[in-house]
Amino acid sequence: MIRREDMLELTRRMNLSRSSLDRIAGAYLDEDGYVDGTFNRNILRLTPSERKKNLELAKSVLFSATNEQLKDYPMGGSPDAAGEIRQLLSGLLDSGMKNDALADIFYELAGERFRPGRPFFCFLFHGSYDVPAKGKDGEWLEGSEEVYEYLICAMGPLAGEYEPGRAEYGFLYPAFRDRSGDPEFINIFEQAPAAPHRRLTEWLTGT
């Protein structure tokens, strides 16, 4: 189960004045899942309006209804299936999402599985959150418990030419569980849980 307070803790560090997100990369894909264009930028190099818009897109994945739209999944299944996607996500994390070749592979594989019937976007966000320590009474303490490095993905139809619309699917990896990163789990977002994107979820979880 995902704790709502954990997601709120992360999103509090996603604003213009203080953001744990440091990089955004993405692809624009046609209705058949072929990449039309890509980008990879430091978030601080965006204009304030662009930065705010993209931070809101990333936060929409975590702000969703906990354990309804955003659910916890184990990275299980066969070793080969689970290992392939985990290796890809780990590579993106280890490179600080600066490895365009790995990002391109991710877009292509995701594009094969996400088909909204019109052009769409696939954005990735990289962040590092210095998790502050908490006392037994719940009060914040000086120092930190760990640095949680993570990826957020948001996917959905374009609202205009190279203009992302609302996210329909996404994830947080590794999962943020009990205020700590857990690479054995992934938090997956479905904007409409009644109509899930099963091919994407099966790919991401290795099931």
N, C-alpha and C. Protein backbone atom coordinates (compact mmCIF):
# COMPACT_ATOMS: atom_id res chain seq x y z
N MET A 1 0.84 -1.20 0.00
CA MET A 1 0.00 0.00 0.00
C MET A 1 0.88 1.25 0.00
N ILE A 2 0.42 2.26 -0.72
CA ILE A 2 1.13 3.54 -0.78
C ILE A 2 0.57 4.46 0.31
N ARG A 3 1.45 5.09 1.04
CA ARG A 3 1.01 6.05 2.05
C ARG A 3 0.89 7.43 1.41
N ARG A 4 -0.27 8.01 1.58
CA ARG A 4 -0.52 9.32 0.98
C ARG A 4 0.49 10.36 1.46
N GLU A 5 0.86 10.29 2.73
CA GLU A 5 1.80 11.28 3.26
C GLU A 5 3.17 11.19 2.60
N ASP A 6 3.55 10.00 2.13
CA ASP A 6 4.83 9.86 1.42
C ASP A 6 4.80 10.61 0.09
N MET A 7 3.68 10.51 -0.63
CA MET A 7 3.56 11.20 -1.91
C MET A 7 3.51 12.72 -1.70
N LEU A 8 2.81 13.14 -0.66
CA LEU A 8 2.75 14.57 -0.37
C LEU A 8 4.12 15.11 0.02
N GLU A 9 4.89 14.30 0.72
CA GLU A 9 6.24 14.73 1.11
C GLU A 9 7.10 14.98 -0.14
N LEU A 10 6.98 14.09 -1.12
CA LEU A 10 7.75 14.27 -2.34
C LEU A 10 7.30 15.51 -3.11
N THR A 11 5.99 15.69 -3.26
CA THR A 11 5.49 16.80 -4.08
C THR A 11 5.76 18.15 -3.44
N ARG A 12 5.94 18.19 -2.13
CA ARG A 12 6.28 19.47 -1.48
C ARG A 12 7.63 19.98 -1.94
N ARG A 13 8.45 19.10 -2.51
CA ARG A 13 9.77 19.51 -3.01
C ARG A 13 9.76 19.66 -4.52
N MET A 14 8.59 19.96 -5.08
CA MET A 14 8.47 20.14 -6.52
C MET A 14 7.78 21.46 -6.81
N ASN A 15 8.48 22.55 -6.57
CA ASN A 15 7.93 23.87 -6.86
C ASN A 15 9.03 24.76 -7.42
N LEU A 16 8.65 25.94 -7.87
CA LEU A 16 9.61 26.82 -8.55
C LEU A 16 10.75 27.25 -7.63
N SER A 17 10.47 27.44 -6.35
CA SER A 17 11.51 27.95 -5.45
C SER A 17 12.43 26.86 -4.94
N ARG A 18 11.90 25.63 -4.87
CA ARG A 18 12.73 24.53 -4.35
C ARG A 18 12.22 23.22 -4.95
N SER A 19 13.00 22.67 -5.87
CA SER A 19 12.55 21.45 -6.54
C SER A 19 13.61 20.36 -6.47
N SER A 20 13.16 19.16 -6.13
CA SER A 20 14.06 18.00 -6.12
C SER A 20 14.23 17.44 -7.54
N LEU A 21 13.40 17.90 -8.48
CA LEU A 21 13.54 17.49 -9.87
C LEU A 21 14.63 18.33 -10.54
N ASP A 22 15.53 17.69 -11.25
CA ASP A 22 16.63 18.44 -11.86
C ASP A 22 16.72 18.28 -13.37
N ARG A 23 16.00 17.29 -13.93
CA ARG A 23 16.12 17.06 -15.37
C ARG A 23 14.81 16.55 -15.94
N ILE A 24 14.54 16.97 -17.17
CA ILE A 24 13.36 16.50 -17.89
C ILE A 24 13.80 16.07 -19.29
N ALA A 25 13.32 14.94 -19.72
CA ALA A 25 13.57 14.45 -21.07
C ALA A 25 12.26 13.91 -21.60
N GLY A 26 12.11 13.90 -22.91
CA GLY A 26 10.84 13.42 -23.42
C GLY A 26 10.86 13.18 -24.92
N ALA A 27 9.78 12.56 -25.35
CA ALA A 27 9.60 12.28 -26.77
C ALA A 27 8.17 12.61 -27.17
N TYR A 28 8.02 13.02 -28.42
CA TYR A 28 6.72 13.21 -29.05
C TYR A 28 6.56 12.10 -30.07
N LEU A 29 5.46 11.38 -29.98
CA LEU A 29 5.26 10.21 -30.83
C LEU A 29 3.97 10.35 -31.63
N ASP A 30 3.96 9.75 -32.83
CA ASP A 30 2.75 9.80 -33.65
C ASP A 30 1.76 8.74 -33.19
N GLU A 31 0.60 8.68 -33.84
CA GLU A 31 -0.45 7.76 -33.40
C GLU A 31 -0.05 6.29 -33.53
N ASP A 32 0.99 6.00 -34.31
CA ASP A 32 1.45 4.62 -34.46
C ASP A 32 2.59 4.28 -33.50
N GLY A 33 2.97 5.23 -32.66
CA GLY A 33 4.02 4.98 -31.68
C GLY A 33 5.43 5.25 -32.14
N TYR A 34 5.57 5.92 -33.29
CA TYR A 34 6.91 6.26 -33.79
C TYR A 34 7.32 7.64 -33.28
N VAL A 35 8.59 7.75 -32.89
CA VAL A 35 9.10 8.98 -32.31
C VAL A 35 9.24 10.06 -33.38
N ASP A 36 8.64 11.23 -33.11
CA ASP A 36 8.73 12.38 -34.02
C ASP A 36 9.83 13.35 -33.60
N GLY A 37 10.15 13.37 -32.32
CA GLY A 37 11.17 14.29 -31.82
C GLY A 37 11.42 14.05 -30.35
N THR A 38 12.62 14.41 -29.90
CA THR A 38 12.99 14.22 -28.49
C THR A 38 13.70 15.46 -27.96
N PHE A 39 13.82 15.54 -26.65
CA PHE A 39 14.59 16.61 -25.99
C PHE A 39 15.10 16.08 -24.67
N ASN A 40 16.10 16.74 -24.10
CA ASN A 40 16.67 16.38 -22.81
C ASN A 40 17.31 17.64 -22.24
N ARG A 41 16.74 18.16 -21.14
CA ARG A 41 17.20 19.45 -20.64
C ARG A 41 17.26 19.48 -19.13
N ASN A 42 18.15 20.32 -18.62
CA ASN A 42 18.16 20.64 -17.20
C ASN A 42 16.91 21.49 -16.91
N ILE A 43 16.18 21.15 -15.88
CA ILE A 43 14.93 21.86 -15.59
C ILE A 43 15.17 23.34 -15.33
N LEU A 44 16.32 23.68 -14.76
CA LEU A 44 16.60 25.09 -14.46
C LEU A 44 16.80 25.92 -15.72
N ARG A 45 17.00 25.27 -16.86
CA ARG A 45 17.18 26.01 -18.12
C ARG A 45 15.85 26.30 -18.80
N LEU A 46 14.77 25.81 -18.24
CA LEU A 46 13.45 26.14 -18.78
C LEU A 46 13.04 27.52 -18.29
N THR A 47 12.17 28.17 -19.02
CA THR A 47 11.62 29.43 -18.54
C THR A 47 10.74 29.14 -17.32
N PRO A 48 10.51 30.13 -16.46
CA PRO A 48 9.66 29.88 -15.28
C PRO A 48 8.30 29.29 -15.64
N SER A 49 7.69 29.77 -16.72
CA SER A 49 6.37 29.25 -17.09
C SER A 49 6.47 27.80 -17.58
N GLU A 50 7.53 27.48 -18.34
CA GLU A 50 7.73 26.09 -18.79
C GLU A 50 8.02 25.18 -17.61
N ARG A 51 8.82 25.69 -16.68
CA ARG A 51 9.18 24.89 -15.51
C ARG A 51 7.94 24.59 -14.67
N LYS A 52 7.12 25.60 -14.45
CA LYS A 52 5.90 25.41 -13.65
C LYS A 52 4.98 24.39 -14.31
N LYS A 53 4.79 24.50 -15.62
CA LYS A 53 3.90 23.59 -16.35
C LYS A 53 4.38 22.15 -16.25
N ASN A 54 5.69 21.95 -16.40
CA ASN A 54 6.23 20.59 -16.36
C ASN A 54 6.26 20.03 -14.94
N LEU A 55 6.51 20.87 -13.95
CA LEU A 55 6.43 20.40 -12.57
C LEU A 55 5.02 19.94 -12.23
N GLU A 56 4.03 20.67 -12.71
CA GLU A 56 2.64 20.28 -12.46
C GLU A 56 2.32 18.95 -13.14
N LEU A 57 2.89 18.72 -14.32
CA LEU A 57 2.67 17.45 -15.01
C LEU A 57 3.27 16.30 -14.19
N ALA A 58 4.48 16.47 -13.71
CA ALA A 58 5.12 15.43 -12.89
C ALA A 58 4.33 15.20 -11.60
N LYS A 59 3.89 16.27 -10.97
CA LYS A 59 3.16 16.14 -9.71
C LYS A 59 1.80 15.48 -9.90
N SER A 60 1.22 15.61 -11.09
CA SER A 60 -0.11 15.03 -11.31
C SER A 60 -0.09 13.52 -11.13
N VAL A 61 1.05 12.88 -11.42
CA VAL A 61 1.18 11.43 -11.23
C VAL A 61 1.11 11.10 -9.74
N LEU A 62 1.80 11.87 -8.91
CA LEU A 62 1.86 11.59 -7.47
C LEU A 62 0.66 12.13 -6.71
N PHE A 63 0.03 13.19 -7.23
CA PHE A 63 -1.14 13.78 -6.58
C PHE A 63 -2.42 12.96 -6.80
N SER A 64 -2.36 11.95 -7.67
CA SER A 64 -3.54 11.17 -8.00
C SER A 64 -4.04 10.39 -6.78
N ALA A 65 -5.21 9.80 -6.92
CA ALA A 65 -5.83 9.08 -5.80
C ALA A 65 -4.96 7.88 -5.40
N THR A 66 -4.41 7.94 -4.20
CA THR A 66 -3.51 6.90 -3.71
C THR A 66 -4.24 5.56 -3.56
N ASN A 67 -3.59 4.51 -4.08
CA ASN A 67 -4.11 3.14 -4.04
C ASN A 67 -5.38 2.95 -4.87
N GLU A 68 -5.72 3.95 -5.68
CA GLU A 68 -6.80 3.83 -6.65
C GLU A 68 -6.25 4.11 -8.05
N GLN A 69 -5.78 5.35 -8.26
CA GLN A 69 -5.13 5.68 -9.52
C GLN A 69 -3.63 5.38 -9.48
N LEU A 70 -3.03 5.56 -8.33
CA LEU A 70 -1.60 5.29 -8.14
C LEU A 70 -1.46 4.08 -7.23
N LYS A 71 -0.92 2.98 -7.79
CA LYS A 71 -0.84 1.73 -7.05
C LYS A 71 0.59 1.20 -6.99
N ASP A 72 0.83 0.38 -5.98
CA ASP A 72 2.13 -0.23 -5.73
C ASP A 72 2.19 -1.59 -6.43
N TYR A 73 3.26 -1.82 -7.20
CA TYR A 73 3.42 -3.10 -7.90
C TYR A 73 4.82 -3.65 -7.65
N PRO A 74 4.93 -4.95 -7.40
CA PRO A 74 6.27 -5.55 -7.30
C PRO A 74 6.89 -5.70 -8.67
N MET A 75 8.21 -5.58 -8.73
CA MET A 75 8.93 -5.83 -9.97
C MET A 75 9.19 -7.33 -10.03
N GLY A 76 8.16 -8.09 -10.36
CA GLY A 76 8.25 -9.54 -10.30
C GLY A 76 8.32 -10.16 -11.66
N GLY A 77 7.64 -11.30 -11.81
CA GLY A 77 7.63 -12.00 -13.08
C GLY A 77 8.92 -12.76 -13.32
N SER A 78 9.14 -13.14 -14.57
CA SER A 78 10.33 -13.91 -14.92
C SER A 78 11.57 -13.05 -14.77
N PRO A 79 12.71 -13.65 -14.39
CA PRO A 79 13.95 -12.87 -14.23
C PRO A 79 14.32 -12.08 -15.48
N ASP A 80 14.14 -12.69 -16.67
CA ASP A 80 14.51 -12.00 -17.91
C ASP A 80 13.65 -10.78 -18.14
N ALA A 81 12.32 -10.93 -17.98
CA ALA A 81 11.40 -9.81 -18.22
C ALA A 81 11.61 -8.70 -17.22
N ALA A 82 11.69 -9.07 -15.94
CA ALA A 82 11.87 -8.06 -14.91
C ALA A 82 13.24 -7.41 -15.02
N GLY A 83 14.27 -8.23 -15.36
CA GLY A 83 15.63 -7.70 -15.42
C GLY A 83 15.82 -6.70 -16.53
N GLU A 84 15.16 -6.89 -17.67
CA GLU A 84 15.34 -6.00 -18.81
C GLU A 84 14.89 -4.58 -18.49
N ILE A 85 13.67 -4.43 -17.96
CA ILE A 85 13.17 -3.09 -17.68
C ILE A 85 13.89 -2.49 -16.47
N ARG A 86 14.23 -3.33 -15.48
CA ARG A 86 14.94 -2.80 -14.31
C ARG A 86 16.32 -2.30 -14.71
N GLN A 87 16.98 -3.01 -15.62
CA GLN A 87 18.29 -2.58 -16.10
C GLN A 87 18.18 -1.25 -16.85
N LEU A 88 17.13 -1.09 -17.63
CA LEU A 88 16.93 0.14 -18.38
C LEU A 88 16.66 1.31 -17.44
N LEU A 89 15.77 1.11 -16.47
CA LEU A 89 15.45 2.19 -15.52
C LEU A 89 16.65 2.51 -14.64
N SER A 90 17.38 1.48 -14.23
CA SER A 90 18.58 1.71 -13.41
C SER A 90 19.64 2.48 -14.18
N GLY A 91 19.76 2.18 -15.48
CA GLY A 91 20.71 2.91 -16.31
C GLY A 91 20.35 4.38 -16.42
N LEU A 92 19.07 4.66 -16.56
CA LEU A 92 18.62 6.06 -16.62
C LEU A 92 18.91 6.77 -15.30
N LEU A 93 18.68 6.08 -14.19
CA LEU A 93 18.97 6.67 -12.88
C LEU A 93 20.47 6.91 -12.70
N ASP A 94 21.27 5.89 -13.02
CA ASP A 94 22.72 5.99 -12.80
C ASP A 94 23.35 7.10 -13.63
N SER A 95 22.77 7.38 -14.80
CA SER A 95 23.32 8.43 -15.66
C SER A 95 22.74 9.80 -15.35
N GLY A 96 21.88 9.87 -14.33
CA GLY A 96 21.22 11.15 -14.05
C GLY A 96 20.32 11.55 -15.20
N MET A 97 19.88 10.58 -15.98
CA MET A 97 19.02 10.72 -17.15
C MET A 97 19.68 11.54 -18.25
N LYS A 98 21.00 11.47 -18.32
CA LYS A 98 21.74 12.18 -19.37
C LYS A 98 22.13 11.28 -20.53
N ASN A 99 21.79 10.00 -20.43
CA ASN A 99 22.12 9.05 -21.49
C ASN A 99 20.96 9.01 -22.48
N ASP A 100 21.13 9.73 -23.59
CA ASP A 100 20.05 9.83 -24.58
C ASP A 100 19.75 8.49 -25.24
N ALA A 101 20.77 7.64 -25.38
CA ALA A 101 20.55 6.34 -26.03
C ALA A 101 19.59 5.49 -25.20
N LEU A 102 19.77 5.48 -23.88
CA LEU A 102 18.85 4.72 -23.02
C LEU A 102 17.46 5.30 -23.06
N ALA A 103 17.36 6.63 -23.05
CA ALA A 103 16.05 7.28 -23.12
C ALA A 103 15.35 6.93 -24.43
N ASP A 104 16.10 6.91 -25.53
CA ASP A 104 15.51 6.57 -26.83
C ASP A 104 14.96 5.14 -26.84
N ILE A 105 15.69 4.23 -26.20
CA ILE A 105 15.20 2.85 -26.11
C ILE A 105 13.90 2.81 -25.33
N PHE A 106 13.86 3.56 -24.24
CA PHE A 106 12.64 3.58 -23.42
C PHE A 106 11.45 4.11 -24.23
N TYR A 107 11.65 5.20 -24.97
CA TYR A 107 10.54 5.77 -25.76
C TYR A 107 10.03 4.76 -26.79
N GLU A 108 10.96 4.11 -27.45
CA GLU A 108 10.56 3.16 -28.50
C GLU A 108 9.76 1.99 -27.92
N LEU A 109 10.24 1.45 -26.80
CA LEU A 109 9.55 0.32 -26.18
C LEU A 109 8.20 0.74 -25.60
N ALA A 110 8.15 1.93 -25.00
CA ALA A 110 6.88 2.43 -24.47
C ALA A 110 5.90 2.72 -25.61
N GLY A 111 6.43 3.26 -26.71
CA GLY A 111 5.58 3.58 -27.86
C GLY A 111 4.94 2.36 -28.48
N GLU A 112 5.57 1.21 -28.34
CA GLU A 112 4.99 -0.04 -28.86
C GLU A 112 3.79 -0.49 -28.05
N ARG A 113 3.68 0.02 -26.81
CA ARG A 113 2.66 -0.48 -25.89
C ARG A 113 1.59 0.53 -25.52
N PHE A 114 1.81 1.80 -25.82
CA PHE A 114 0.83 2.85 -25.50
C PHE A 114 0.26 3.39 -26.79
N ARG A 115 -1.02 3.14 -27.03
CA ARG A 115 -1.65 3.54 -28.28
C ARG A 115 -2.97 4.26 -28.00
N PRO A 116 -2.92 5.56 -27.71
CA PRO A 116 -4.15 6.29 -27.44
C PRO A 116 -4.96 6.63 -28.69
N GLY A 117 -4.43 6.30 -29.88
CA GLY A 117 -5.16 6.56 -31.12
C GLY A 117 -4.90 7.92 -31.71
N ARG A 118 -3.98 8.66 -31.13
CA ARG A 118 -3.58 9.97 -31.67
C ARG A 118 -2.17 10.28 -31.18
N PRO A 119 -1.53 11.32 -31.71
CA PRO A 119 -0.17 11.65 -31.27
C PRO A 119 -0.11 11.83 -29.75
N PHE A 120 1.01 11.41 -29.17
CA PHE A 120 1.12 11.47 -27.71
C PHE A 120 2.54 11.83 -27.28
N PHE A 121 2.68 12.04 -25.98
CA PHE A 121 3.97 12.40 -25.40
C PHE A 121 4.38 11.35 -24.38
N CYS A 122 5.67 11.25 -24.16
CA CYS A 122 6.23 10.41 -23.11
C CYS A 122 7.36 11.21 -22.47
N PHE A 123 7.11 11.74 -21.27
CA PHE A 123 8.08 12.58 -20.58
C PHE A 123 8.67 11.82 -19.38
N LEU A 124 9.95 12.02 -19.15
CA LEU A 124 10.64 11.46 -18.00
C LEU A 124 11.23 12.60 -17.16
N PHE A 125 11.14 12.46 -15.86
CA PHE A 125 11.70 13.44 -14.92
C PHE A 125 12.66 12.71 -13.99
N HIS A 126 13.80 13.34 -13.74
CA HIS A 126 14.78 12.78 -12.80
C HIS A 126 14.86 13.68 -11.58
N GLY A 127 14.91 13.06 -10.41
CA GLY A 127 15.01 13.85 -9.19
C GLY A 127 15.84 13.17 -8.13
N SER A 128 16.33 13.96 -7.19
CA SER A 128 17.08 13.45 -6.03
C SER A 128 16.55 14.18 -4.80
N TYR A 129 16.01 13.43 -3.88
CA TYR A 129 15.41 14.00 -2.68
C TYR A 129 16.20 13.58 -1.44
N ASP A 130 16.75 14.56 -0.74
CA ASP A 130 17.49 14.32 0.49
C ASP A 130 16.47 14.12 1.60
N VAL A 131 16.16 12.87 1.91
CA VAL A 131 15.08 12.55 2.84
C VAL A 131 15.46 12.97 4.25
N PRO A 132 14.75 13.96 4.82
CA PRO A 132 15.09 14.41 6.17
C PRO A 132 14.73 13.36 7.22
N ALA A 133 15.52 13.32 8.28
CA ALA A 133 15.26 12.37 9.36
C ALA A 133 14.07 12.84 10.19
N LYS A 134 13.36 11.87 10.75
CA LYS A 134 12.23 12.15 11.63
C LYS A 134 12.43 11.43 12.96
N GLY A 135 12.06 12.10 14.03
CA GLY A 135 12.14 11.48 15.34
C GLY A 135 10.96 10.56 15.58
N LYS A 136 10.97 9.83 16.68
CA LYS A 136 9.87 8.94 17.01
C LYS A 136 8.55 9.68 17.22
N ASP A 137 8.67 10.96 17.58
CA ASP A 137 7.46 11.76 17.79
C ASP A 137 6.96 12.39 16.49
N GLY A 138 7.62 12.09 15.35
CA GLY A 138 7.21 12.63 14.06
C GLY A 138 7.80 13.98 13.74
N GLU A 139 8.59 14.54 14.64
CA GLU A 139 9.20 15.84 14.40
C GLU A 139 10.42 15.70 13.49
N TRP A 140 10.62 16.72 12.61
CA TRP A 140 11.78 16.70 11.72
C TRP A 140 13.06 16.92 12.52
N LEU A 141 14.10 16.20 12.16
CA LEU A 141 15.39 16.32 12.81
C LEU A 141 16.42 16.86 11.82
N GLU A 142 17.55 17.32 12.36
CA GLU A 142 18.63 17.76 11.48
C GLU A 142 19.26 16.54 10.81
N GLY A 143 19.78 16.73 9.62
CA GLY A 143 20.39 15.63 8.89
C GLY A 143 19.39 14.90 8.03
N SER A 144 19.87 13.88 7.32
CA SER A 144 19.01 13.13 6.43
C SER A 144 19.22 11.63 6.61
N GLU A 145 18.23 10.86 6.17
CA GLU A 145 18.29 9.42 6.28
C GLU A 145 18.90 8.78 5.03
N GLU A 146 18.62 9.35 3.87
CA GLU A 146 19.17 8.85 2.61
C GLU A 146 18.88 9.86 1.51
N VAL A 147 19.56 9.71 0.38
CA VAL A 147 19.23 10.47 -0.82
C VAL A 147 18.44 9.53 -1.73
N TYR A 148 17.20 9.88 -1.95
CA TYR A 148 16.31 9.06 -2.77
C TYR A 148 16.35 9.59 -4.19
N GLU A 149 16.94 8.81 -5.09
CA GLU A 149 17.02 9.18 -6.50
C GLU A 149 15.91 8.45 -7.25
N TYR A 150 15.18 9.17 -8.08
CA TYR A 150 13.98 8.58 -8.66
C TYR A 150 13.68 9.11 -10.06
N LEU A 151 12.80 8.37 -10.74
CA LEU A 151 12.27 8.75 -12.05
C LEU A 151 10.76 8.86 -11.95
N ILE A 152 10.21 9.86 -12.63
CA ILE A 152 8.77 9.95 -12.83
C ILE A 152 8.53 9.93 -14.33
N CYS A 153 7.56 9.15 -14.76
CA CYS A 153 7.16 9.12 -16.16
C CYS A 153 5.72 9.59 -16.26
N ALA A 154 5.43 10.37 -17.29
CA ALA A 154 4.07 10.81 -17.58
C ALA A 154 3.82 10.64 -19.07
N MET A 155 2.69 10.01 -19.42
CA MET A 155 2.35 9.77 -20.82
C MET A 155 0.89 10.14 -21.06
N GLY A 156 0.62 10.67 -22.25
CA GLY A 156 -0.75 11.01 -22.59
C GLY A 156 -0.82 11.63 -23.97
N PRO A 157 -2.02 11.85 -24.48
CA PRO A 157 -2.19 12.46 -25.80
C PRO A 157 -1.71 13.92 -25.80
N LEU A 158 -1.26 14.37 -26.96
CA LEU A 158 -0.87 15.77 -27.10
C LEU A 158 -2.13 16.65 -27.15
N ALA A 159 -2.01 17.84 -26.55
CA ALA A 159 -3.11 18.80 -26.58
C ALA A 159 -2.99 19.73 -27.79
N GLY A 160 -1.82 19.76 -28.39
CA GLY A 160 -1.54 20.58 -29.57
C GLY A 160 -0.20 20.15 -30.11
N GLU A 161 0.33 20.89 -31.08
CA GLU A 161 1.62 20.52 -31.65
C GLU A 161 2.72 20.66 -30.60
N TYR A 162 3.35 19.53 -30.26
CA TYR A 162 4.39 19.50 -29.23
C TYR A 162 3.92 20.11 -27.91
N GLU A 163 2.65 19.90 -27.60
CA GLU A 163 2.07 20.43 -26.36
C GLU A 163 1.43 19.28 -25.60
N PRO A 164 2.03 18.86 -24.46
CA PRO A 164 1.46 17.74 -23.72
C PRO A 164 0.10 18.07 -23.11
N GLY A 165 -0.78 17.10 -23.13
CA GLY A 165 -2.07 17.24 -22.48
C GLY A 165 -2.01 16.62 -21.10
N ARG A 166 -3.12 16.09 -20.65
CA ARG A 166 -3.19 15.48 -19.33
C ARG A 166 -2.55 14.09 -19.36
N ALA A 167 -1.84 13.75 -18.31
CA ALA A 167 -1.24 12.42 -18.24
C ALA A 167 -2.33 11.37 -18.06
N GLU A 168 -2.24 10.32 -18.87
CA GLU A 168 -3.15 9.18 -18.75
C GLU A 168 -2.49 8.00 -18.06
N TYR A 169 -1.16 7.98 -18.08
CA TYR A 169 -0.41 6.86 -17.53
C TYR A 169 0.94 7.38 -17.05
N GLY A 170 1.52 6.70 -16.08
CA GLY A 170 2.84 7.10 -15.61
C GLY A 170 3.31 6.21 -14.48
N PHE A 171 4.46 6.56 -13.93
CA PHE A 171 4.98 5.76 -12.82
C PHE A 171 6.01 6.55 -12.03
N LEU A 172 6.28 6.05 -10.83
CA LEU A 172 7.37 6.52 -9.98
C LEU A 172 8.26 5.31 -9.71
N TYR A 173 9.56 5.44 -10.04
CA TYR A 173 10.50 4.34 -9.80
C TYR A 173 11.83 4.89 -9.29
N PRO A 174 12.44 4.21 -8.29
CA PRO A 174 11.85 3.14 -7.51
C PRO A 174 10.72 3.65 -6.63
N ALA A 175 9.87 2.75 -6.17
CA ALA A 175 8.76 3.15 -5.31
C ALA A 175 9.30 3.83 -4.06
N PHE A 176 8.56 4.80 -3.56
CA PHE A 176 8.91 5.49 -2.32
C PHE A 176 8.06 4.87 -1.22
N ARG A 177 8.66 3.94 -0.48
CA ARG A 177 7.93 3.15 0.52
C ARG A 177 8.53 3.39 1.89
N ASP A 178 7.67 3.82 2.83
CA ASP A 178 8.13 4.11 4.19
C ASP A 178 9.29 5.09 4.18
N ARG A 179 9.16 6.11 3.31
CA ARG A 179 10.13 7.20 3.20
C ARG A 179 11.51 6.70 2.77
N SER A 180 11.51 5.69 1.89
CA SER A 180 12.76 5.15 1.39
C SER A 180 12.55 4.56 0.01
N GLY A 181 13.56 4.61 -0.84
CA GLY A 181 13.46 4.04 -2.17
C GLY A 181 13.54 2.52 -2.13
N ASP A 182 12.64 1.86 -2.86
CA ASP A 182 12.63 0.40 -2.90
C ASP A 182 12.60 -0.05 -4.36
N PRO A 183 13.76 -0.45 -4.93
CA PRO A 183 13.82 -0.84 -6.35
C PRO A 183 13.08 -2.14 -6.66
N GLU A 184 12.60 -2.83 -5.63
CA GLU A 184 11.83 -4.05 -5.87
C GLU A 184 10.37 -3.73 -6.20
N PHE A 185 9.99 -2.45 -6.11
CA PHE A 185 8.61 -2.04 -6.36
C PHE A 185 8.58 -0.80 -7.26
N ILE A 186 7.46 -0.62 -7.94
CA ILE A 186 7.21 0.54 -8.79
C ILE A 186 5.79 1.02 -8.52
N ASN A 187 5.59 2.32 -8.46
CA ASN A 187 4.25 2.91 -8.29
C ASN A 187 3.73 3.32 -9.66
N ILE A 188 2.62 2.72 -10.09
CA ILE A 188 2.09 2.95 -11.43
C ILE A 188 0.80 3.75 -11.37
N PHE A 189 0.71 4.75 -12.24
CA PHE A 189 -0.44 5.65 -12.30
C PHE A 189 -1.32 5.33 -13.50
N GLU A 190 -2.61 5.21 -13.26
CA GLU A 190 -3.62 5.06 -14.30
C GLU A 190 -4.67 6.15 -14.07
N GLN A 191 -4.80 7.07 -15.01
CA GLN A 191 -5.78 8.14 -14.85
C GLN A 191 -7.19 7.57 -14.80
N ALA A 192 -7.45 6.50 -15.57
CA ALA A 192 -8.76 5.84 -15.59
C ALA A 192 -8.55 4.37 -15.23
N PRO A 193 -8.55 4.01 -13.95
CA PRO A 193 -8.27 2.63 -13.55
C PRO A 193 -9.21 1.60 -14.15
N ALA A 194 -10.42 2.01 -14.53
CA ALA A 194 -11.37 1.07 -15.12
C ALA A 194 -10.97 0.65 -16.54
N ALA A 195 -10.08 1.43 -17.16
CA ALA A 195 -9.59 1.10 -18.51
C ALA A 195 -8.06 1.10 -18.49
N PRO A 196 -7.47 0.10 -17.83
CA PRO A 196 -6.01 0.09 -17.63
C PRO A 196 -5.22 -0.20 -18.91
N HIS A 197 -3.99 0.29 -18.91
CA HIS A 197 -3.06 0.03 -20.02
C HIS A 197 -2.25 -1.21 -19.63
N ARG A 198 -2.82 -2.36 -19.84
CA ARG A 198 -2.23 -3.61 -19.34
C ARG A 198 -0.88 -3.92 -19.96
N ARG A 199 -0.70 -3.63 -21.25
CA ARG A 199 0.56 -3.97 -21.91
C ARG A 199 1.72 -3.19 -21.29
N LEU A 200 1.48 -1.93 -20.96
CA LEU A 200 2.51 -1.12 -20.33
C LEU A 200 2.84 -1.64 -18.93
N THR A 201 1.81 -1.93 -18.15
CA THR A 201 2.03 -2.40 -16.79
C THR A 201 2.72 -3.76 -16.77
N GLU A 202 2.33 -4.65 -17.66
CA GLU A 202 2.98 -5.96 -17.73
C GLU A 202 4.45 -5.81 -18.10
N TRP A 203 4.75 -4.88 -19.00
CA TRP A 203 6.14 -4.64 -19.39
C TRP A 203 6.95 -4.08 -18.23
N LEU A 204 6.40 -3.09 -17.52
CA LEU A 204 7.11 -2.44 -16.44
C LEU A 204 7.32 -3.35 -15.23
N THR A 205 6.39 -4.25 -14.99
CA THR A 205 6.49 -5.11 -13.81
C THR A 205 7.10 -6.48 -14.14
N GLY A 206 7.29 -6.77 -15.43
CA GLY A 206 7.87 -8.04 -15.82
C GLY A 206 6.93 -9.21 -15.63
N THR A 207 5.61 -8.95 -15.69
CA THR A 207 4.63 -10.04 -15.50
C THR A 207 4.05 -10.48 -16.83
